[in-house]
């Protein structure tokens, strides 16, 4: 933590955070070392998975002086899926009042990152410590929480050496999800949109040049294969409408 021009700067320190003990099952949170920015081993927290598991980590409650301006910095990787229904957020809670917590959405384009390097995004989250609740009190109890669901993410400290590194251009906004370290190449090679990153080297089996092939983020099925071996059709079946029948069977629409 540093103090510059009366603003307190604090960065993420994975050693001071822990999984929320109130989430007793399926809290996907792991403190571990990874190869981070610049190829150096860095300790991070990996949070969440691709399923509907609410995962959360928190830092200890800390007494801080009221009416103080603060900035919380960290680097984030991942935190998005290709359905646009994930959760990736930071909460700042004062005096244990979670109903009135400050919530910062870290996915999509809700908050613009300060810098992007190799699939990692640097965030600066400003906040102000409010007035103390009781007359005569000077301090407010402050706690921060990260939460993720339906997309894994990794959170890394904001080391001073990263400040000297030049930022990179942000990825094409047409890509449905951010780069994620869970994939060897940052992105899956077998998704319906993989051609946007890998071109013809994608392993997706359908037409790689059609953005609407396969199963889209909305769940719409645009291409599929059926095996008619052993199929039995009723007498009088109108084969001129077989395409419509297949579509109804695949999508549940009529």
C-alpha atoms as a PDB file:
ATOM      1  CA  UNK A   1       0.000   0.000   0.000  1.00  0.00           C
ATOM      2  CA  UNK A   2       1.342   3.468  -0.855  1.00  0.00           C
ATOM      3  CA  UNK A   3       0.180   7.035  -0.252  1.00  0.00           C
ATOM      4  CA  UNK A   4       0.463   9.501  -3.139  1.00  0.00           C
ATOM      5  CA  UNK A   5      -1.170  12.934  -3.046  1.00  0.00           C
ATOM      6  CA  UNK A   6      -3.396  11.752  -0.196  1.00  0.00           C
ATOM      7  CA  UNK A   7      -4.638   8.817  -2.280  1.00  0.00           C
ATOM      8  CA  UNK A   8      -4.031   5.335  -0.905  1.00  0.00           C
ATOM      9  CA  UNK A   9      -2.944   2.845  -3.583  1.00  0.00           C
ATOM     10  CA  UNK A  10      -3.390  -0.832  -2.789  1.00  0.00           C
ATOM     11  CA  UNK A  11      -2.735  -3.806  -5.045  1.00  0.00           C
ATOM     12  CA  UNK A  12      -3.972  -7.371  -4.959  1.00  0.00           C
ATOM     13  CA  UNK A  13      -1.888  -9.611  -2.688  1.00  0.00           C
ATOM     14  CA  UNK A  14      -2.951 -13.277  -3.106  1.00  0.00           C
ATOM     15  CA  UNK A  15      -1.335 -14.245   0.230  1.00  0.00           C
ATOM     16  CA  UNK A  16      -3.817 -12.029   2.075  1.00  0.00           C
ATOM     17  CA  UNK A  17      -6.916 -13.390   0.351  1.00  0.00           C
ATOM     18  CA  UNK A  18      -8.828 -16.614   0.961  1.00  0.00           C
ATOM     19  CA  UNK A  19     -11.970 -18.383  -0.292  1.00  0.00           C
ATOM     20  CA  UNK A  20     -15.191 -17.126   1.262  1.00  0.00           C
ATOM     21  CA  UNK A  21     -15.852 -19.612   4.126  1.00  0.00           C
ATOM     22  CA  UNK A  22     -19.623 -19.096   3.799  1.00  0.00           C
ATOM     23  CA  UNK A  23     -19.585 -20.804   0.402  1.00  0.00           C
ATOM     24  CA  UNK A  24     -19.265 -24.393   1.577  1.00  0.00           C
ATOM     25  CA  UNK A  25     -19.476 -26.241  -1.748  1.00  0.00           C
ATOM     26  CA  UNK A  26     -18.223 -25.759  -5.303  1.00  0.00           C
ATOM     27  CA  UNK A  27     -16.195 -22.638  -4.488  1.00  0.00           C
ATOM     28  CA  UNK A  28     -13.584 -22.944  -7.207  1.00  0.00           C
ATOM     29  CA  UNK A  29     -10.695 -20.908  -5.804  1.00  0.00           C
ATOM     30  CA  UNK A  30      -7.008 -21.835  -5.857  1.00  0.00           C
ATOM     31  CA  UNK A  31      -3.909 -19.840  -4.954  1.00  0.00           C
ATOM     32  CA  UNK A  32      -1.074 -21.006  -7.171  1.00  0.00           C
ATOM     33  CA  UNK A  33       2.018 -20.000  -9.146  1.00  0.00           C
ATOM     34  CA  UNK A  34       1.776 -19.560 -12.906  1.00  0.00           C
ATOM     35  CA  UNK A  35       3.942 -18.165 -15.685  1.00  0.00           C
ATOM     36  CA  UNK A  36       2.738 -14.585 -15.812  1.00  0.00           C
ATOM     37  CA  UNK A  37       3.595 -11.427 -17.706  1.00  0.00           C
ATOM     38  CA  UNK A  38       7.195 -11.403 -18.920  1.00  0.00           C
ATOM     39  CA  UNK A  39       7.522 -15.167 -18.487  1.00  0.00           C
ATOM     40  CA  UNK A  40       8.148 -14.949 -14.739  1.00  0.00           C
ATOM     41  CA  UNK A  41       6.609 -17.190 -12.109  1.00  0.00           C
ATOM     42  CA  UNK A  42       3.945 -15.195 -10.311  1.00  0.00           C
ATOM     43  CA  UNK A  43       1.558 -16.144  -7.527  1.00  0.00           C
ATOM     44  CA  UNK A  44      -2.083 -15.618  -8.474  1.00  0.00           C
ATOM     45  CA  UNK A  45      -5.574 -16.666  -7.499  1.00  0.00           C
ATOM     46  CA  UNK A  46      -7.438 -18.797 -10.046  1.00  0.00           C
ATOM     47  CA  UNK A  47     -11.163 -18.380  -9.558  1.00  0.00           C
ATOM     48  CA  UNK A  48     -14.285 -19.962 -11.053  1.00  0.00           C
ATOM     49  CA  UNK A  49     -14.965 -22.575 -13.748  1.00  0.00           C
ATOM     50  CA  UNK A  50     -17.154 -22.972 -16.855  1.00  0.00           C
ATOM     51  CA  UNK A  51     -20.091 -24.271 -14.798  1.00  0.00           C
ATOM     52  CA  UNK A  52     -22.730 -22.474 -12.731  1.00  0.00           C
ATOM     53  CA  UNK A  53     -20.628 -22.489  -9.550  1.00  0.00           C
ATOM     54  CA  UNK A  54     -20.506 -19.199  -7.661  1.00  0.00           C
ATOM     55  CA  UNK A  55     -16.880 -18.775  -6.582  1.00  0.00           C
ATOM     56  CA  UNK A  56     -15.607 -16.027  -4.318  1.00  0.00           C
ATOM     57  CA  UNK A  57     -12.452 -14.901  -2.517  1.00  0.00           C
ATOM     58  CA  UNK A  58     -12.106 -12.125   0.049  1.00  0.00           C
ATOM     59  CA  UNK A  59      -9.454 -10.184   1.916  1.00  0.00           C
ATOM     60  CA  UNK A  60      -9.509  -9.564   5.693  1.00  0.00           C
ATOM     61  CA  UNK A  61     -11.694  -6.785   6.998  1.00  0.00           C
ATOM     62  CA  UNK A  62      -9.533  -3.712   7.541  1.00  0.00           C
ATOM     63  CA  UNK A  63     -10.167  -0.498   9.472  1.00  0.00           C
ATOM     64  CA  UNK A  64      -9.512   2.520   7.237  1.00  0.00           C
ATOM     65  CA  UNK A  65      -9.927   6.233   7.843  1.00  0.00           C
ATOM     66  CA  UNK A  66     -13.211   7.686   6.603  1.00  0.00           C
ATOM     67  CA  UNK A  67     -13.334  10.129   3.665  1.00  0.00           C
ATOM     68  CA  UNK A  68     -10.149   8.650   2.194  1.00  0.00           C
ATOM     69  CA  UNK A  69      -9.642   8.297  -1.559  1.00  0.00           C
ATOM     70  CA  UNK A  70      -8.294   4.886  -2.584  1.00  0.00           C
ATOM     71  CA  UNK A  71      -7.265   3.058  -5.745  1.00  0.00           C
ATOM     72  CA  UNK A  72      -7.152  -0.747  -5.972  1.00  0.00           C
ATOM     73  CA  UNK A  73      -5.002  -2.194  -8.778  1.00  0.00           C
ATOM     74  CA  UNK A  74      -4.635  -5.711 -10.184  1.00  0.00           C
ATOM     75  CA  UNK A  75      -4.226  -7.696 -13.393  1.00  0.00           C
ATOM     76  CA  UNK A  76      -7.021  -9.943 -14.649  1.00  0.00           C
ATOM     77  CA  UNK A  77      -7.050 -12.762 -17.179  1.00  0.00           C
ATOM     78  CA  UNK A  78     -10.160 -14.496 -18.513  1.00  0.00           C
ATOM     79  CA  UNK A  79     -13.520 -14.060 -16.829  1.00  0.00           C
ATOM     80  CA  UNK A  80     -15.636 -14.369 -19.995  1.00  0.00           C
ATOM     81  CA  UNK A  81     -17.388 -17.174 -21.873  1.00  0.00           C
ATOM     82  CA  UNK A  82     -18.796 -17.129 -25.404  1.00  0.00           C
ATOM     83  CA  UNK A  83     -22.429 -16.978 -24.198  1.00  0.00           C
ATOM     84  CA  UNK A  84     -22.134 -13.558 -22.529  1.00  0.00           C
ATOM     85  CA  UNK A  85     -23.794 -14.830 -19.324  1.00  0.00           C
ATOM     86  CA  UNK A  86     -20.814 -15.031 -16.963  1.00  0.00           C
ATOM     87  CA  UNK A  87     -20.103 -13.222 -13.692  1.00  0.00           C
ATOM     88  CA  UNK A  88     -16.739 -11.577 -13.065  1.00  0.00           C
ATOM     89  CA  UNK A  89     -16.814  -8.778 -10.512  1.00  0.00           C
ATOM     90  CA  UNK A  90     -15.207  -6.959  -7.617  1.00  0.00           C
ATOM     91  CA  UNK A  91     -17.191  -5.899  -4.564  1.00  0.00           C
ATOM     92  CA  UNK A  92     -16.119  -3.306  -1.992  1.00  0.00           C
ATOM     93  CA  UNK A  93     -18.046  -3.546   1.283  1.00  0.00           C
ATOM     94  CA  UNK A  94     -18.145  -0.969   4.077  1.00  0.00           C
ATOM     95  CA  UNK A  95     -18.947  -1.934   7.674  1.00  0.00           C
ATOM     96  CA  UNK A  96     -20.223  -5.346   6.570  1.00  0.00           C
ATOM     97  CA  UNK A  97     -23.150  -3.870   4.609  1.00  0.00           C
ATOM     98  CA  UNK A  98     -23.152  -6.155   1.542  1.00  0.00           C
ATOM     99  CA  UNK A  99     -26.578  -4.897   0.423  1.00  0.00           C
ATOM    100  CA  UNK A 100     -24.988  -1.519  -0.310  1.00  0.00           C
ATOM    101  CA  UNK A 101     -21.635  -2.781  -1.565  1.00  0.00           C
ATOM    102  CA  UNK A 102     -19.895  -1.085  -4.477  1.00  0.00           C
ATOM    103  CA  UNK A 103     -19.943  -3.604  -7.350  1.00  0.00           C
ATOM    104  CA  UNK A 104     -17.582  -3.348 -10.332  1.00  0.00           C
ATOM    105  CA  UNK A 105     -18.245  -5.542 -13.378  1.00  0.00           C
ATOM    106  CA  UNK A 106     -14.906  -6.738 -14.748  1.00  0.00           C
ATOM    107  CA  UNK A 107     -16.238  -8.611 -17.777  1.00  0.00           C
ATOM    108  CA  UNK A 108     -17.066  -7.352 -21.257  1.00  0.00           C
ATOM    109  CA  UNK A 109     -16.686  -3.585 -21.688  1.00  0.00           C
ATOM    110  CA  UNK A 110     -18.358  -2.343 -18.526  1.00  0.00           C
ATOM    111  CA  UNK A 111     -15.078  -0.938 -17.192  1.00  0.00           C
ATOM    112  CA  UNK A 112     -12.219  -0.052 -19.497  1.00  0.00           C
ATOM    113  CA  UNK A 113      -8.881  -1.590 -18.408  1.00  0.00           C
ATOM    114  CA  UNK A 114      -5.851   0.672 -18.144  1.00  0.00           C
ATOM    115  CA  UNK A 115      -3.571  -1.658 -20.108  1.00  0.00           C
ATOM    116  CA  UNK A 116      -3.514  -4.979 -21.965  1.00  0.00           C
ATOM    117  CA  UNK A 117      -0.473  -7.278 -22.220  1.00  0.00           C
ATOM    118  CA  UNK A 118      -0.601 -10.846 -23.506  1.00  0.00           C
ATOM    119  CA  UNK A 119      -4.193 -11.555 -22.512  1.00  0.00           C
ATOM    120  CA  UNK A 120      -3.865  -9.801 -19.129  1.00  0.00           C
ATOM    121  CA  UNK A 121      -5.780  -6.624 -18.304  1.00  0.00           C
ATOM    122  CA  UNK A 122      -4.674  -4.061 -15.750  1.00  0.00           C
ATOM    123  CA  UNK A 123      -7.448  -2.420 -13.750  1.00  0.00           C
ATOM    124  CA  UNK A 124      -7.427   0.651 -11.510  1.00  0.00           C
ATOM    125  CA  UNK A 125     -10.563   0.766  -9.372  1.00  0.00           C
ATOM    126  CA  UNK A 126     -11.032   4.083  -7.523  1.00  0.00           C
ATOM    127  CA  UNK A 127     -13.260   4.309  -4.461  1.00  0.00           C
ATOM    128  CA  UNK A 128     -13.787   6.567  -1.478  1.00  0.00           C
ATOM    129  CA  UNK A 129     -14.112   5.463   2.130  1.00  0.00           C
ATOM    130  CA  UNK A 130     -17.457   6.889   3.337  1.00  0.00           C
ATOM    131  CA  UNK A 131     -18.259   8.636   6.600  1.00  0.00           C
ATOM    132  CA  UNK A 132     -17.982   6.534   9.726  1.00  0.00           C
ATOM    133  CA  UNK A 133     -21.317   5.204  10.938  1.00  0.00           C
ATOM    134  CA  UNK A 134     -21.214   6.438  14.539  1.00  0.00           C
ATOM    135  CA  UNK A 135     -20.456   9.942  15.887  1.00  0.00           C
ATOM    136  CA  UNK A 136     -16.880  10.231  17.083  1.00  0.00           C
ATOM    137  CA  UNK A 137     -15.644   7.293  15.003  1.00  0.00           C
ATOM    138  CA  UNK A 138     -12.934   7.894  12.402  1.00  0.00           C
ATOM    139  CA  UNK A 139     -12.580   4.445  10.844  1.00  0.00           C
ATOM    140  CA  UNK A 140     -14.693   2.350   8.524  1.00  0.00           C
ATOM    141  CA  UNK A 141     -14.335  -1.430   8.163  1.00  0.00           C
ATOM    142  CA  UNK A 142     -13.501  -2.211   4.539  1.00  0.00           C
ATOM    143  CA  UNK A 143     -13.518  -5.594   2.792  1.00  0.00           C
ATOM    144  CA  UNK A 144     -13.002  -6.518  -0.866  1.00  0.00           C
ATOM    145  CA  UNK A 145     -14.324  -9.607  -2.671  1.00  0.00           C
ATOM    146  CA  UNK A 146     -13.801 -11.093  -6.134  1.00  0.00           C
ATOM    147  CA  UNK A 147     -16.585 -13.291  -7.541  1.00  0.00           C
ATOM    148  CA  UNK A 148     -16.757 -15.410 -10.693  1.00  0.00           C
ATOM    149  CA  UNK A 149     -19.257 -17.800 -12.284  1.00  0.00           C
ATOM    150  CA  UNK A 150     -19.448 -19.621 -15.638  1.00  0.00           C
ATOM    151  CA  UNK A 151     -15.960 -18.519 -16.713  1.00  0.00           C
ATOM    152  CA  UNK A 152     -12.612 -19.063 -14.970  1.00  0.00           C
ATOM    153  CA  UNK A 153     -10.353 -16.104 -14.340  1.00  0.00           C
ATOM    154  CA  UNK A 154      -6.956 -15.423 -12.779  1.00  0.00           C
ATOM    155  CA  UNK A 155      -6.062 -12.395 -10.645  1.00  0.00           C
ATOM    156  CA  UNK A 156      -2.467 -11.208 -10.387  1.00  0.00           C
ATOM    157  CA  UNK A 157      -0.708  -8.507  -8.314  1.00  0.00           C
ATOM    158  CA  UNK A 158       0.212  -5.225  -9.971  1.00  0.00           C
ATOM    159  CA  UNK A 159       4.005  -5.391  -9.720  1.00  0.00           C
ATOM    160  CA  UNK A 160       5.914  -2.155 -10.231  1.00  0.00           C
ATOM    161  CA  UNK A 161       8.038  -3.689 -12.995  1.00  0.00           C
ATOM    162  CA  UNK A 162       4.919  -4.072 -15.153  1.00  0.00           C
ATOM    163  CA  UNK A 163       4.490  -0.295 -15.232  1.00  0.00           C
ATOM    164  CA  UNK A 164       7.512   0.015 -17.542  1.00  0.00           C
ATOM    165  CA  UNK A 165       6.083  -2.436 -20.071  1.00  0.00           C
ATOM    166  CA  UNK A 166       4.308  -1.062 -23.114  1.00  0.00           C
ATOM    167  CA  UNK A 167       0.653  -1.944 -23.468  1.00  0.00           C
ATOM    168  CA  UNK A 168      -0.612  -3.914 -26.455  1.00  0.00           C
ATOM    169  CA  UNK A 169      -3.576  -3.275 -28.715  1.00  0.00           C
ATOM    170  CA  UNK A 170      -6.835  -4.603 -27.320  1.00  0.00           C
ATOM    171  CA  UNK A 171      -8.192  -7.707 -29.115  1.00  0.00           C
ATOM    172  CA  UNK A 172     -10.848  -7.519 -31.835  1.00  0.00           C
ATOM    173  CA  UNK A 173     -14.207  -6.837 -30.108  1.00  0.00           C
ATOM    174  CA  UNK A 174     -15.855  -9.413 -32.408  1.00  0.00           C
ATOM    175  CA  UNK A 175     -14.123 -12.217 -30.461  1.00  0.00           C
ATOM    176  CA  UNK A 176     -16.827 -13.535 -28.073  1.00  0.00           C
ATOM    177  CA  UNK A 177     -14.571 -13.984 -25.022  1.00  0.00           C
ATOM    178  CA  UNK A 178     -11.257 -12.771 -23.665  1.00  0.00           C
ATOM    179  CA  UNK A 179      -8.054 -14.756 -23.818  1.00  0.00           C
ATOM    180  CA  UNK A 180      -7.831 -17.282 -20.985  1.00  0.00           C
ATOM    181  CA  UNK A 181      -4.739 -19.042 -19.625  1.00  0.00           C
ATOM    182  CA  UNK A 182      -6.691 -22.302 -19.278  1.00  0.00           C
ATOM    183  CA  UNK A 183      -6.143 -22.747 -23.046  1.00  0.00           C
ATOM    184  CA  UNK A 184      -2.657 -23.448 -24.399  1.00  0.00           C
ATOM    185  CA  UNK A 185      -3.033 -20.747 -27.043  1.00  0.00           C
ATOM    186  CA  UNK A 186      -5.240 -18.415 -25.028  1.00  0.00           C
ATOM    187  CA  UNK A 187      -8.383 -19.407 -26.917  1.00  0.00           C
ATOM    188  CA  UNK A 188     -10.094 -22.712 -27.772  1.00  0.00           C
ATOM    189  CA  UNK A 189      -9.283 -24.063 -31.230  1.00  0.00           C
ATOM    190  CA  UNK A 190     -12.516 -26.041 -31.561  1.00  0.00           C
ATOM    191  CA  UNK A 191     -15.161 -23.339 -30.959  1.00  0.00           C
ATOM    192  CA  UNK A 192     -17.512 -22.070 -33.668  1.00  0.00           C
ATOM    193  CA  UNK A 193     -15.667 -18.726 -33.575  1.00  0.00           C
ATOM    194  CA  UNK A 194     -12.064 -20.045 -33.390  1.00  0.00           C
ATOM    195  CA  UNK A 195     -11.365 -18.989 -36.983  1.00  0.00           C
ATOM    196  CA  UNK A 196     -11.468 -15.351 -35.803  1.00  0.00           C
ATOM    197  CA  UNK A 197      -8.154 -16.006 -34.009  1.00  0.00           C
ATOM    198  CA  UNK A 198      -6.538 -18.995 -35.711  1.00  0.00           C
ATOM    199  CA  UNK A 199      -7.864 -18.728 -39.267  1.00  0.00           C
ATOM    200  CA  UNK A 200      -7.705 -22.030 -41.146  1.00  0.00           C
ATOM    201  CA  UNK A 201      -5.691 -23.718 -38.375  1.00  0.00           C
ATOM    202  CA  UNK A 202      -8.793 -24.027 -36.188  1.00  0.00           C
ATOM    203  CA  UNK A 203      -9.915 -27.590 -35.461  1.00  0.00           C
ATOM    204  CA  UNK A 204     -13.608 -26.699 -35.709  1.00  0.00           C
ATOM    205  CA  UNK A 205     -15.092 -29.132 -38.238  1.00  0.00           C
ATOM    206  CA  UNK A 206     -17.662 -26.886 -39.917  1.00  0.00           C
ATOM    207  CA  UNK A 207     -17.186 -23.961 -42.309  1.00  0.00           C
ATOM    208  CA  UNK A 208     -14.603 -21.784 -40.528  1.00  0.00           C
ATOM    209  CA  UNK A 209     -15.405 -18.718 -42.607  1.00  0.00           C
ATOM    210  CA  UNK A 210     -19.023 -18.436 -41.460  1.00  0.00           C
ATOM    211  CA  UNK A 211     -19.494 -16.647 -38.138  1.00  0.00           C
ATOM    212  CA  UNK A 212     -22.912 -18.284 -37.727  1.00  0.00           C
ATOM    213  CA  UNK A 213     -21.854 -21.906 -38.052  1.00  0.00           C
ATOM    214  CA  UNK A 214     -22.366 -24.387 -35.236  1.00  0.00           C
ATOM    215  CA  UNK A 215     -23.936 -23.506 -31.905  1.00  0.00           C
ATOM    216  CA  UNK A 216     -23.837 -19.773 -31.292  1.00  0.00           C
ATOM    217  CA  UNK A 217     -23.772 -17.991 -27.961  1.00  0.00           C
ATOM    218  CA  UNK A 218     -27.547 -17.709 -28.080  1.00  0.00           C
ATOM    219  CA  UNK A 219     -27.869 -21.477 -28.353  1.00  0.00           C
ATOM    220  CA  UNK A 220     -29.199 -21.317 -31.935  1.00  0.00           C
ATOM    221  CA  UNK A 221     -28.268 -24.379 -34.003  1.00  0.00           C
ATOM    222  CA  UNK A 222     -27.308 -23.385 -37.539  1.00  0.00           C
ATOM    223  CA  UNK A 223     -25.550 -26.552 -38.772  1.00  0.00           C
ATOM    224  CA  UNK A 224     -25.828 -30.152 -37.620  1.00  0.00           C
ATOM    225  CA  UNK A 225     -25.520 -33.742 -38.855  1.00  0.00           C
ATOM    226  CA  UNK A 226     -28.099 -36.516 -38.544  1.00  0.00           C
ATOM    227  CA  UNK A 227     -27.627 -40.254 -39.075  1.00  0.00           C
ATOM    228  CA  UNK A 228     -30.760 -41.682 -40.766  1.00  0.00           C
ATOM    229  CA  UNK A 229     -29.571 -45.288 -40.512  1.00  0.00           C
ATOM    230  CA  UNK A 230     -32.437 -47.336 -39.121  1.00  0.00           C
ATOM    231  CA  UNK A 231     -34.862 -44.410 -39.247  1.00  0.00           C
ATOM    232  CA  UNK A 232     -38.545 -45.312 -39.735  1.00  0.00           C
ATOM    233  CA  UNK A 233     -40.956 -42.901 -41.446  1.00  0.00           C
ATOM    234  CA  UNK A 234     -44.707 -43.172 -41.139  1.00  0.00           C
ATOM    235  CA  UNK A 235     -46.803 -43.934 -44.193  1.00  0.00           C
ATOM    236  CA  UNK A 236     -47.658 -40.795 -46.083  1.00  0.00           C
ATOM    237  CA  UNK A 237     -44.682 -38.801 -44.703  1.00  0.00           C
ATOM    238  CA  UNK A 238     -44.099 -35.688 -46.844  1.00  0.00           C
ATOM    239  CA  UNK A 239     -40.372 -35.888 -47.673  1.00  0.00           C
ATOM    240  CA  UNK A 240     -40.493 -32.405 -49.228  1.00  0.00           C
ATOM    241  CA  UNK A 241     -40.706 -31.062 -45.651  1.00  0.00           C
ATOM    242  CA  UNK A 242     -37.893 -33.152 -44.165  1.00  0.00           C
ATOM    243  CA  UNK A 243     -35.667 -30.085 -43.682  1.00  0.00           C
ATOM    244  CA  UNK A 244     -38.345 -28.356 -41.611  1.00  0.00           C
ATOM    245  CA  UNK A 245     -38.857 -31.546 -39.560  1.00  0.00           C
ATOM    246  CA  UNK A 246     -35.138 -31.777 -38.762  1.00  0.00           C
ATOM    247  CA  UNK A 247     -35.006 -28.118 -37.749  1.00  0.00           C
ATOM    248  CA  UNK A 248     -37.917 -28.583 -35.358  1.00  0.00           C
ATOM    249  CA  UNK A 249     -36.292 -31.661 -33.820  1.00  0.00           C
ATOM    250  CA  UNK A 250     -32.963 -29.874 -33.318  1.00  0.00           C
ATOM    251  CA  UNK A 251     -34.241 -26.592 -31.926  1.00  0.00           C
ATOM    252  CA  UNK A 252     -37.505 -27.569 -30.278  1.00  0.00           C
ATOM    253  CA  UNK A 253     -39.275 -24.934 -32.369  1.00  0.00           C
ATOM    254  CA  UNK A 254     -42.372 -25.535 -34.446  1.00  0.00           C
END
